[in-house]
Every structure is written in C-alpha cells, then in structure tokens.
C-alpha cells in the first residue's frame, strides 16, 4: 500500500514540476531568437535595484497586509480551509461509524 502511495505522489510531483518549468522558460525569453539576452536581463535587474535604493519608501511592491496581498490571501484561504476541516471533523465525530463510548 505504501509503495503505491509513494509511486503516485512521485508521479504527481513530476507532473506538477513539468507544468511549472515550461511557463517559466517561456516567460523569461532566454534562448529565443529575438529575445532579450542575459546581459540585458542583468542590466534591468541592476536598474531595478538602484531604483529601489533611491526610493526606500516605495518598498518591494508586494502588499503583505492587503486582502489581495500575500498575508491577506493566506489568512482568507486558511479561514476557508480551516472551516471546512472543522466541519468535517465535527461531522466525523458524530457519524454512524463513530466508536461508541469514546468521547
């Protein structure tokens, strides 16, 4: 049983990683005939760092505490999935197959 779980999880991981690599390579444009070169990428990154250093009040541009940002989305998703898990846990404790005499 464990062997099939390991095999299926490994297969799922490989499939997930293969779907992530293709868009990243396509987005970066490296290796394309008329695409941006590595030196141009490095120059743009250097300009971005210089602009961030020149304007420290602007931050990184990632709104962590916004509902559409990283932390806000994490809290919302945690509340939704936590509510579903709680409902399933409560429902499972009082079900037809719950062990009698325990809790």
PDB file of N, CA and C in Angstrom:
ATOM      1  N   UNK A   1       0.821  -1.195   0.000  1.00  0.00           N
ATOM      2  CA  UNK A   1       0.000   0.000   0.000  1.00  0.00           C
ATOM      3  C   UNK A   1       0.866   1.260   0.000  1.00  0.00           C
ATOM      4  N   UNK A   2       1.895   1.246   0.880  1.00  0.00           N
ATOM      5  CA  UNK A   2       2.764   2.413   0.947  1.00  0.00           C
ATOM      6  C   UNK A   2       3.514   2.625  -0.358  1.00  0.00           C
ATOM      7  N   UNK A   3       3.863   1.530  -1.008  1.00  0.00           N
ATOM      8  CA  UNK A   3       4.615   1.625  -2.248  1.00  0.00           C
ATOM      9  C   UNK A   3       3.806   2.335  -3.336  1.00  0.00           C
ATOM     10  N   UNK A   4       2.520   2.028  -3.421  1.00  0.00           N
ATOM     11  CA  UNK A   4       1.688   2.684  -4.430  1.00  0.00           C
ATOM     12  C   UNK A   4       1.466   4.153  -4.097  1.00  0.00           C
ATOM     13  N   UNK A   5       1.370   4.487  -2.818  1.00  0.00           N
ATOM     14  CA  UNK A   5       1.223   5.894  -2.422  1.00  0.00           C
ATOM     15  C   UNK A   5       2.477   6.673  -2.794  1.00  0.00           C
ATOM     16  N   UNK A   6       3.647   6.095  -2.523  1.00  0.00           N
ATOM     17  CA  UNK A   6       4.897   6.758  -2.887  1.00  0.00           C
ATOM     18  C   UNK A   6       5.020   6.930  -4.401  1.00  0.00           C
ATOM     19  N   UNK A   7       4.629   5.914  -5.136  1.00  0.00           N
ATOM     20  CA  UNK A   7       4.726   5.980  -6.592  1.00  0.00           C
ATOM     21  C   UNK A   7       3.785   7.035  -7.154  1.00  0.00           C
ATOM     22  N   UNK A   8       2.551   7.075  -6.647  1.00  0.00           N
ATOM     23  CA  UNK A   8       1.598   8.071  -7.136  1.00  0.00           C
ATOM     24  C   UNK A   8       1.993   9.485  -6.745  1.00  0.00           C
ATOM     25  N   UNK A   9       2.521   9.664  -5.537  1.00  0.00           N
ATOM     26  CA  UNK A   9       2.936  11.009  -5.130  1.00  0.00           C
ATOM     27  C   UNK A   9       4.158  11.467  -5.925  1.00  0.00           C
ATOM     28  N   UNK A  10       5.066  10.558  -6.227  1.00  0.00           N
ATOM     29  CA  UNK A  10       6.216  10.909  -7.056  1.00  0.00           C
ATOM     30  C   UNK A  10       5.777  11.279  -8.467  1.00  0.00           C
ATOM     31  N   UNK A  11       4.843  10.530  -9.020  1.00  0.00           N
ATOM     32  CA  UNK A  11       4.317  10.833 -10.343  1.00  0.00           C
ATOM     33  C   UNK A  11       3.615  12.197 -10.354  1.00  0.00           C
ATOM     34  N   UNK A  12       2.829  12.468  -9.324  1.00  0.00           N
ATOM     35  CA  UNK A  12       2.135  13.755  -9.246  1.00  0.00           C
ATOM     36  C   UNK A  12       3.129  14.901  -9.117  1.00  0.00           C
ATOM     37  N   UNK A  13       4.186  14.705  -8.341  1.00  0.00           N
ATOM     38  CA  UNK A  13       5.210  15.740  -8.192  1.00  0.00           C
ATOM     39  C   UNK A  13       5.921  16.004  -9.516  1.00  0.00           C
ATOM     40  N   UNK A  14       6.255  14.957 -10.240  1.00  0.00           N
ATOM     41  CA  UNK A  14       6.914  15.123 -11.539  1.00  0.00           C
ATOM     42  C   UNK A  14       6.008  15.846 -12.533  1.00  0.00           C
ATOM     43  N   UNK A  15       4.728  15.504 -12.516  1.00  0.00           N
ATOM     44  CA  UNK A  15       3.800  16.167 -13.430  1.00  0.00           C
ATOM     45  C   UNK A  15       3.634  17.641 -13.071  1.00  0.00           C
ATOM     46  N   UNK A  16       3.575  17.948 -11.790  1.00  0.00           N
ATOM     47  CA  UNK A  16       3.434  19.339 -11.359  1.00  0.00           C
ATOM     48  C   UNK A  16       4.674  20.146 -11.727  1.00  0.00           C
ATOM     49  N   UNK A  17       5.846  19.581 -11.510  1.00  0.00           N
ATOM     50  CA  UNK A  17       7.078  20.299 -11.829  1.00  0.00           C
ATOM     51  C   UNK A  17       7.217  20.512 -13.333  1.00  0.00           C
ATOM     52  N   UNK A  18       6.764  19.561 -14.130  1.00  0.00           N
ATOM     53  CA  UNK A  18       6.881  19.722 -15.575  1.00  0.00           C
ATOM     54  C   UNK A  18       5.957  20.819 -16.086  1.00  0.00           C
ATOM     55  N   UNK A  19       4.842  21.038 -15.427  1.00  0.00           N
ATOM     56  CA  UNK A  19       3.947  22.110 -15.868  1.00  0.00           C
ATOM     57  C   UNK A  19       4.457  23.468 -15.425  1.00  0.00           C
ATOM     58  N   UNK A  20       5.298  23.529 -14.395  1.00  0.00           N
ATOM     59  CA  UNK A  20       5.810  24.808 -13.921  1.00  0.00           C
ATOM     60  C   UNK A  20       7.041  25.269 -14.689  1.00  0.00           C
ATOM     61  N   UNK A  21       7.840  24.348 -15.178  1.00  0.00           N
ATOM     62  CA  UNK A  21       9.095  24.712 -15.830  1.00  0.00           C
ATOM     63  C   UNK A  21       8.846  25.373 -17.184  1.00  0.00           C
ATOM     64  N   UNK A  22       7.901  24.888 -17.947  1.00  0.00           N
ATOM     65  CA  UNK A  22       7.662  25.409 -19.294  1.00  0.00           C
ATOM     66  C   UNK A  22       7.239  26.885 -19.279  1.00  0.00           C
ATOM     67  N   UNK A  23       6.281  27.315 -18.462  1.00  0.00           N
ATOM     68  CA  UNK A  23       5.936  28.736 -18.465  1.00  0.00           C
ATOM     69  C   UNK A  23       7.069  29.642 -17.996  1.00  0.00           C
ATOM     70  N   UNK A  24       7.880  29.164 -17.070  1.00  0.00           N
ATOM     71  CA  UNK A  24       8.992  29.984 -16.599  1.00  0.00           C
ATOM     72  C   UNK A  24       9.995  30.215 -17.713  1.00  0.00           C
ATOM     73  N   UNK A  25      10.320  29.180 -18.448  1.00  0.00           N
ATOM     74  CA  UNK A  25      11.265  29.340 -19.556  1.00  0.00           C
ATOM     75  C   UNK A  25      10.666  30.183 -20.679  1.00  0.00           C
ATOM     76  N   UNK A  26       9.379  30.023 -20.926  1.00  0.00           N
ATOM     77  CA  UNK A  26       8.736  30.803 -21.980  1.00  0.00           C
ATOM     78  C   UNK A  26       8.644  32.268 -21.583  1.00  0.00           C
ATOM     79  N   UNK A  27       8.414  32.543 -20.308  1.00  0.00           N
ATOM     80  CA  UNK A  27       8.282  33.922 -19.848  1.00  0.00           C
ATOM     81  C   UNK A  27       9.617  34.651 -19.857  1.00  0.00           C
ATOM     82  N   UNK A  28      10.672  33.937 -19.487  1.00  0.00           N
ATOM     83  CA  UNK A  28      11.970  34.594 -19.406  1.00  0.00           C
ATOM     84  C   UNK A  28      12.485  34.994 -20.778  1.00  0.00           C
ATOM     85  N   UNK A  29      12.177  34.231 -21.806  1.00  0.00           N
ATOM     86  CA  UNK A  29      12.596  34.566 -23.150  1.00  0.00           C
ATOM     87  C   UNK A  29      14.035  34.202 -23.464  1.00  0.00           C
ATOM     88  N   UNK A  30      14.731  33.603 -22.526  1.00  0.00           N
ATOM     89  CA  UNK A  30      16.118  33.226 -22.778  1.00  0.00           C
ATOM     90  C   UNK A  30      16.168  32.095 -23.790  1.00  0.00           C
ATOM     91  N   UNK A  31      17.052  32.211 -24.738  1.00  0.00           N
ATOM     92  CA  UNK A  31      17.208  31.186 -25.747  1.00  0.00           C
ATOM     93  C   UNK A  31      16.346  31.391 -26.978  1.00  0.00           C
ATOM     94  N   UNK A  32      15.468  32.379 -26.971  1.00  0.00           N
ATOM     95  CA  UNK A  32      14.626  32.658 -28.128  1.00  0.00           C
ATOM     96  C   UNK A  32      15.435  33.474 -29.139  1.00  0.00           C
ATOM     97  N   UNK A  33      15.117  33.390 -30.428  1.00  0.00           N
ATOM     98  CA  UNK A  33      15.913  34.081 -31.445  1.00  0.00           C
ATOM     99  C   UNK A  33      15.929  35.612 -31.289  1.00  0.00           C
ATOM    100  N   UNK A  34      14.792  36.232 -31.082  1.00  0.00           N
ATOM    101  CA  UNK A  34      14.740  37.694 -30.984  1.00  0.00           C
ATOM    102  C   UNK A  34      14.468  38.148 -29.553  1.00  0.00           C
ATOM    103  N   UNK A  35      14.862  37.356 -28.585  1.00  0.00           N
ATOM    104  CA  UNK A  35      14.540  37.656 -27.190  1.00  0.00           C
ATOM    105  C   UNK A  35      15.650  38.465 -26.544  1.00  0.00           C
ATOM    106  N   UNK A  36      15.386  38.846 -25.314  1.00  0.00           N
ATOM    107  CA  UNK A  36      16.341  39.623 -24.541  1.00  0.00           C
ATOM    108  C   UNK A  36      17.509  38.708 -24.129  1.00  0.00           C
ATOM    109  N   UNK A  37      18.699  39.270 -24.071  1.00  0.00           N
ATOM    110  CA  UNK A  37      19.882  38.485 -23.721  1.00  0.00           C
ATOM    111  C   UNK A  37      20.081  38.495 -22.210  1.00  0.00           C
ATOM    112  N   UNK A  38      21.010  37.674 -21.753  1.00  0.00           N
ATOM    113  CA  UNK A  38      21.305  37.599 -20.327  1.00  0.00           C
ATOM    114  C   UNK A  38      21.872  38.918 -19.823  1.00  0.00           C
ATOM    115  N   UNK A  39      22.703  39.560 -20.614  1.00  0.00           N
ATOM    116  CA  UNK A  39      23.284  40.839 -20.206  1.00  0.00           C
ATOM    117  C   UNK A  39      22.197  41.907 -20.041  1.00  0.00           C
ATOM    118  N   UNK A  40      21.204  41.876 -20.933  1.00  0.00           N
ATOM    119  CA  UNK A  40      20.105  42.834 -20.808  1.00  0.00           C
ATOM    120  C   UNK A  40      19.260  42.543 -19.571  1.00  0.00           C
ATOM    121  N   UNK A  41      19.075  41.259 -19.261  1.00  0.00           N
ATOM    122  CA  UNK A  41      18.376  40.884 -18.033  1.00  0.00           C
ATOM    123  C   UNK A  41      19.118  41.420 -16.812  1.00  0.00           C
ATOM    124  N   UNK A  42      20.430  41.256 -16.806  1.00  0.00           N
ATOM    125  CA  UNK A  42      21.231  41.731 -15.678  1.00  0.00           C
ATOM    126  C   UNK A  42      21.196  43.248 -15.563  1.00  0.00           C
ATOM    127  N   UNK A  43      21.209  43.937 -16.692  1.00  0.00           N
ATOM    128  CA  UNK A  43      21.126  45.397 -16.675  1.00  0.00           C
ATOM    129  C   UNK A  43      19.780  45.862 -16.115  1.00  0.00           C
ATOM    130  N   UNK A  44      18.700  45.210 -16.524  1.00  0.00           N
ATOM    131  CA  UNK A  44      17.380  45.567 -15.993  1.00  0.00           C
ATOM    132  C   UNK A  44      17.292  45.291 -14.492  1.00  0.00           C
ATOM    133  N   UNK A  45      17.885  44.191 -14.045  1.00  0.00           N
ATOM    134  CA  UNK A  45      17.877  43.879 -12.616  1.00  0.00           C
ATOM    135  C   UNK A  45      18.681  44.905 -11.831  1.00  0.00           C
ATOM    136  N   UNK A  46      19.801  45.338 -12.383  1.00  0.00           N
ATOM    137  CA  UNK A  46      20.616  46.360 -11.726  1.00  0.00           C
ATOM    138  C   UNK A  46      19.856  47.673 -11.621  1.00  0.00           C
ATOM    139  N   UNK A  47      19.164  48.058 -12.692  1.00  0.00           N
ATOM    140  CA  UNK A  47      18.365  49.283 -12.645  1.00  0.00           C
ATOM    141  C   UNK A  47      17.250  49.181 -11.617  1.00  0.00           C
ATOM    142  N   UNK A  48      16.642  48.005 -11.519  1.00  0.00           N
ATOM    143  CA  UNK A  48      15.562  47.817 -10.555  1.00  0.00           C
ATOM    144  C   UNK A  48      16.073  47.975  -9.130  1.00  0.00           C
ATOM    145  N   UNK A  49      17.249  47.418  -8.838  1.00  0.00           N
ATOM    146  CA  UNK A  49      17.823  47.538  -7.504  1.00  0.00           C
ATOM    147  C   UNK A  49      18.197  48.990  -7.210  1.00  0.00           C
ATOM    148  N   UNK A  50      18.757  49.677  -8.191  1.00  0.00           N
ATOM    149  CA  UNK A  50      19.109  51.085  -7.992  1.00  0.00           C
ATOM    150  C   UNK A  50      17.873  51.941  -7.746  1.00  0.00           C
ATOM    151  N   UNK A  51      16.804  51.671  -8.448  1.00  0.00           N
ATOM    152  CA  UNK A  51      15.567  52.430  -8.255  1.00  0.00           C
ATOM    153  C   UNK A  51      14.978  52.160  -6.879  1.00  0.00           C
ATOM    154  N   UNK A  52      15.040  50.915  -6.425  1.00  0.00           N
ATOM    155  CA  UNK A  52      14.542  50.581  -5.089  1.00  0.00           C
ATOM    156  C   UNK A  52      15.381  51.239  -4.008  1.00  0.00           C
ATOM    157  N   UNK A  53      16.710  51.320  -4.220  1.00  0.00           N
ATOM    158  CA  UNK A  53      17.573  52.001  -3.256  1.00  0.00           C
ATOM    159  C   UNK A  53      17.315  53.502  -3.223  1.00  0.00           C
ATOM    160  N   UNK A  54      17.005  54.077  -4.393  1.00  0.00           N
ATOM    161  CA  UNK A  54      16.752  55.515  -4.469  1.00  0.00           C
ATOM    162  C   UNK A  54      15.412  55.902  -3.850  1.00  0.00           C
ATOM    163  N   UNK A  55      14.453  54.987  -3.833  1.00  0.00           N
ATOM    164  CA  UNK A  55      13.124  55.252  -3.284  1.00  0.00           C
ATOM    165  C   UNK A  55      12.788  54.225  -2.214  1.00  0.00           C
ATOM    166  N   UNK A  56      13.337  54.343  -1.006  1.00  0.00           N
ATOM    167  CA  UNK A  56      13.106  53.312   0.009  1.00  0.00           C
ATOM    168  C   UNK A  56      11.673  53.289   0.545  1.00  0.00           C
ATOM    169  N   UNK A  57      10.930  54.364   0.373  1.00  0.00           N
ATOM    170  CA  UNK A  57       9.562  54.401   0.900  1.00  0.00           C
ATOM    171  C   UNK A  57       8.601  53.559   0.062  1.00  0.00           C
ATOM    172  N   UNK A  58       8.966  53.264  -1.166  1.00  0.00           N
ATOM    173  CA  UNK A  58       8.056  52.504  -2.018  1.00  0.00           C
ATOM    174  C   UNK A  58       8.049  51.027  -1.683  1.00  0.00           C
ATOM    175  N   UNK A  59       9.092  50.500  -1.074  1.00  0.00           N
ATOM    176  CA  UNK A  59       9.135  49.087  -0.706  1.00  0.00           C
ATOM    177  C   UNK A  59       9.318  48.200  -1.923  1.00  0.00           C
ATOM    178  N   UNK A  60       8.986  46.927  -1.730  1.00  0.00           N
ATOM    179  CA  UNK A  60       9.185  45.967  -2.805  1.00  0.00           C
ATOM    180  C   UNK A  60       8.004  45.915  -3.758  1.00  0.00           C
ATOM    181  N   UNK A  61       6.891  46.515  -3.374  1.00  0.00           N
ATOM    182  CA  UNK A  61       5.713  46.487  -4.215  1.00  0.00           C
ATOM    183  C   UNK A  61       4.780  45.340  -3.894  1.00  0.00           C
ATOM    184  N   UNK A  62       5.127  44.517  -2.908  1.00  0.00           N
ATOM    185  CA  UNK A  62       4.278  43.400  -2.512  1.00  0.00           C
ATOM    186  C   UNK A  62       3.442  43.817  -1.309  1.00  0.00           C
ATOM    187  N   UNK A  63       2.135  43.941  -1.467  1.00  0.00           N
ATOM    188  CA  UNK A  63       1.285  44.371  -0.344  1.00  0.00           C
ATOM    189  C   UNK A  63       0.979  43.190   0.590  1.00  0.00           C
ATOM    190  N   UNK A  64       1.790  43.013   1.638  1.00  0.00           N
ATOM    191  CA  UNK A  64       1.649  41.848   2.505  1.00  0.00           C
ATOM    192  C   UNK A  64       0.364  41.873   3.324  1.00  0.00           C
ATOM    193  N   UNK A  65      -0.034  43.016   3.817  1.00  0.00           N
ATOM    194  CA  UNK A  65      -1.192  43.075   4.693  1.00  0.00           C
ATOM    195  C   UNK A  65      -2.481  43.385   3.958  1.00  0.00           C
ATOM    196  N   UNK A  66      -2.430  43.539   2.660  1.00  0.00           N
ATOM    197  CA  UNK A  66      -3.623  43.802   1.871  1.00  0.00           C
ATOM    198  C   UNK A  66      -4.382  42.492   1.663  1.00  0.00           C
ATOM    199  N   UNK A  67      -5.713  42.579   1.518  1.00  0.00           N
ATOM    200  CA  UNK A  67      -6.501  41.363   1.295  1.00  0.00           C
ATOM    201  C   UNK A  67      -6.148  40.708  -0.030  1.00  0.00           C
ATOM    202  N   UNK A  68      -5.602  41.481  -0.948  1.00  0.00           N
ATOM    203  CA  UNK A  68      -5.179  40.924  -2.225  1.00  0.00           C
ATOM    204  C   UNK A  68      -3.695  40.591  -2.221  1.00  0.00           C
ATOM    205  N   UNK A  69      -3.035  40.789  -1.087  1.00  0.00           N
ATOM    206  CA  UNK A  69      -1.608  40.510  -0.978  1.00  0.00           C
ATOM    207  C   UNK A  69      -1.338  39.116  -0.451  1.00  0.00           C
ATOM    208  N   UNK A  70      -0.112  38.904  -0.017  1.00  0.00           N
ATOM    209  CA  UNK A  70       0.340  37.584   0.400  1.00  0.00           C
ATOM    210  C   UNK A  70      -0.312  37.165   1.718  1.00  0.00           C
ATOM    211  N   UNK A  71      -0.167  37.984   2.749  1.00  0.00           N
ATOM    212  CA  UNK A  71      -0.679  37.618   4.065  1.00  0.00           C
ATOM    213  C   UNK A  71      -2.203  37.604   4.091  1.00  0.00           C
ATOM    214  N   UNK A  72      -2.821  38.577   3.450  1.00  0.00           N
ATOM    215  CA  UNK A  72      -4.278  38.621   3.416  1.00  0.00           C
ATOM    216  C   UNK A  72      -4.872  37.409   2.730  1.00  0.00           C
ATOM    217  N   UNK A  73      -4.288  37.017   1.618  1.00  0.00           N
ATOM    218  CA  UNK A  73      -4.772  35.830   0.908  1.00  0.00           C
ATOM    219  C   UNK A  73      -4.547  34.568   1.724  1.00  0.00           C
ATOM    220  N   UNK A  74      -3.420  34.505   2.423  1.00  0.00           N
ATOM    221  CA  UNK A  74      -3.141  33.336   3.254  1.00  0.00           C
ATOM    222  C   UNK A  74      -4.145  33.222   4.393  1.00  0.00           C
ATOM    223  N   UNK A  75      -4.490  34.337   5.005  1.00  0.00           N
ATOM    224  CA  UNK A  75      -5.461  34.319   6.101  1.00  0.00           C
ATOM    225  C   UNK A  75      -6.834  33.912   5.591  1.00  0.00           C
ATOM    226  N   UNK A  76      -7.229  34.453   4.463  1.00  0.00           N
ATOM    227  CA  UNK A  76      -8.538  34.113   3.896  1.00  0.00           C
ATOM    228  C   UNK A  76      -8.597  32.635   3.521  1.00  0.00           C
ATOM    229  N   UNK A  77      -7.557  32.131   2.857  1.00  0.00           N
ATOM    230  CA  UNK A  77      -7.529  30.712   2.472  1.00  0.00           C
ATOM    231  C   UNK A  77      -7.492  29.814   3.708  1.00  0.00           C
ATOM    232  N   UNK A  78      -6.731  30.208   4.728  1.00  0.00           N
ATOM    233  CA  UNK A  78      -6.684  29.429   5.961  1.00  0.00           C
ATOM    234  C   UNK A  78      -8.029  29.383   6.656  1.00  0.00           C
ATOM    235  N   UNK A  79      -8.755  30.498   6.653  1.00  0.00           N
ATOM    236  CA  UNK A  79     -10.083  30.522   7.270  1.00  0.00           C
ATOM    237  C   UNK A  79     -11.060  29.616   6.521  1.00  0.00           C
ATOM    238  N   UNK A  80     -11.005  29.658   5.212  1.00  0.00           N
ATOM    239  CA  UNK A  80     -11.913  28.824   4.413  1.00  0.00           C
ATOM    240  C   UNK A  80     -11.617  27.342   4.626  1.00  0.00           C
ATOM    241  N   UNK A  81     -10.344  26.947   4.438  1.00  0.00           N
ATOM    242  CA  UNK A  81      -9.997  25.537   4.582  1.00  0.00           C
ATOM    243  C   UNK A  81     -10.088  25.076   6.034  1.00  0.00           C
ATOM    244  N   UNK A  82      -9.813  25.972   6.971  1.00  0.00           N
ATOM    245  CA  UNK A  82      -9.978  25.623   8.379  1.00  0.00           C
ATOM    246  C   UNK A  82     -11.437  25.375   8.729  1.00  0.00           C
ATOM    247  N   UNK A  83     -12.339  26.181   8.181  1.00  0.00           N
ATOM    248  CA  UNK A  83     -13.767  25.971   8.408  1.00  0.00           C
ATOM    249  C   UNK A  83     -14.247  24.661   7.822  1.00  0.00           C
ATOM    250  N   UNK A  84     -13.776  24.344   6.640  1.00  0.00           N
ATOM    251  CA  UNK A  84     -14.155  23.070   6.013  1.00  0.00           C
ATOM    252  C   UNK A  84     -13.613  21.897   6.832  1.00  0.00           C
ATOM    253  N   UNK A  85     -12.361  21.989   7.290  1.00  0.00           N
ATOM    254  CA  UNK A  85     -11.771  20.914   8.087  1.00  0.00           C
ATOM    255  C   UNK A  85     -12.505  20.754   9.410  1.00  0.00           C
ATOM    256  N   UNK A  86     -12.875  21.875  10.031  1.00  0.00           N
ATOM    257  CA  UNK A  86     -13.615  21.799  11.284  1.00  0.00           C
ATOM    258  C   UNK A  86     -14.978  21.150  11.077  1.00  0.00           C
ATOM    259  N   UNK A  87     -15.659  21.526  10.014  1.00  0.00           N
ATOM    260  CA  UNK A  87     -16.968  20.930   9.727  1.00  0.00           C
ATOM    261  C   UNK A  87     -16.843  19.427   9.489  1.00  0.00           C
ATOM    262  N   UNK A  88     -15.815  19.006   8.767  1.00  0.00           N
ATOM    263  CA  UNK A  88     -15.628  17.574   8.525  1.00  0.00           C
ATOM    264  C   UNK A  88     -15.262  16.835   9.810  1.00  0.00           C
ATOM    265  N   UNK A  89     -14.465  17.466  10.660  1.00  0.00           N
ATOM    266  CA  UNK A  89     -14.079  16.835  11.919  1.00  0.00           C
ATOM    267  C   UNK A  89     -15.295  16.662  12.822  1.00  0.00           C
ATOM    268  N   UNK A  90     -16.112  17.692  12.948  1.00  0.00           N
ATOM    269  CA  UNK A  90     -17.309  17.617  13.788  1.00  0.00           C
ATOM    270  C   UNK A  90     -18.279  16.585  13.223  1.00  0.00           C
ATOM    271  N   UNK A  91     -18.449  16.591  11.928  1.00  0.00           N
ATOM    272  CA  UNK A  91     -19.358  15.644  11.283  1.00  0.00           C
ATOM    273  C   UNK A  91     -18.854  14.203  11.445  1.00  0.00           C
ATOM    274  N   UNK A  92     -17.548  14.013  11.370  1.00  0.00           N
ATOM    275  CA  UNK A  92     -16.981  12.677  11.504  1.00  0.00           C
ATOM    276  C   UNK A  92     -17.065  12.135  12.918  1.00  0.00           C
ATOM    277  N   UNK A  93     -17.042  12.996  13.920  1.00  0.00           N
ATOM    278  CA  UNK A  93     -17.132  12.551  15.314  1.00  0.00           C
ATOM    279  C   UNK A  93     -18.531  12.071  15.674  1.00  0.00           C
ATOM    280  N   UNK A  94     -19.523  12.548  14.954  1.00  0.00           N
ATOM    281  CA  UNK A  94     -20.889  12.186  15.312  1.00  0.00           C
ATOM    282  C   UNK A  94     -21.542  11.301  14.260  1.00  0.00           C
ATOM    283  N   UNK A  95     -20.768  10.683  13.436  1.00  0.00           N
ATOM    284  CA  UNK A  95     -21.311   9.896  12.342  1.00  0.00           C
ATOM    285  C   UNK A  95     -21.763   8.504  12.764  1.00  0.00           C
ATOM    286  N   UNK A  96     -22.227   7.771  11.814  1.00  0.00           N
ATOM    287  CA  UNK A  96     -22.755   6.427  12.027  1.00  0.00           C
ATOM    288  C   UNK A  96     -21.672   5.449  12.464  1.00  0.00           C
ATOM    289  N   UNK A  97     -20.450   5.672  11.990  1.00  0.00           N
ATOM    290  CA  UNK A  97     -19.356   4.754  12.281  1.00  0.00           C
ATOM    291  C   UNK A  97     -18.467   5.213  13.414  1.00  0.00           C
ATOM    292  N   UNK A  98     -18.868   6.235  14.136  1.00  0.00           N
ATOM    293  CA  UNK A  98     -18.068   6.689  15.274  1.00  0.00           C
ATOM    294  C   UNK A  98     -18.084   5.612  16.354  1.00  0.00           C
ATOM    295  N   UNK A  99     -16.952   5.418  17.006  1.00  0.00           N
ATOM    296  CA  UNK A  99     -16.848   4.384  18.039  1.00  0.00           C
ATOM    297  C   UNK A  99     -17.675   4.791  19.252  1.00  0.00           C
ATOM    298  N   UNK A 100     -18.464   3.861  19.749  1.00  0.00           N
ATOM    299  CA  UNK A 100     -19.310   4.139  20.903  1.00  0.00           C
ATOM    300  C   UNK A 100     -18.477   4.092  22.174  1.00  0.00           C
ATOM    301  N   UNK A 101     -18.785   4.993  23.078  1.00  0.00           N
ATOM    302  CA  UNK A 101     -18.107   5.007  24.365  1.00  0.00           C
ATOM    303  C   UNK A 101     -16.823   5.793  24.392  1.00  0.00           C
ATOM    304  N   UNK A 102     -16.430   6.377  23.278  1.00  0.00           N
ATOM    305  CA  UNK A 102     -15.204   7.200  23.249  1.00  0.00           C
ATOM    306  C   UNK A 102     -15.600   8.642  22.980  1.00  0.00           C
ATOM    307  N   UNK A 103     -15.505   9.445  23.956  1.00  0.00           N
ATOM    308  CA  UNK A 103     -15.764  10.866  23.787  1.00  0.00           C
ATOM    309  C   UNK A 103     -17.166  11.143  23.671  1.00  0.00           C
TER     310      UNK A 103
END
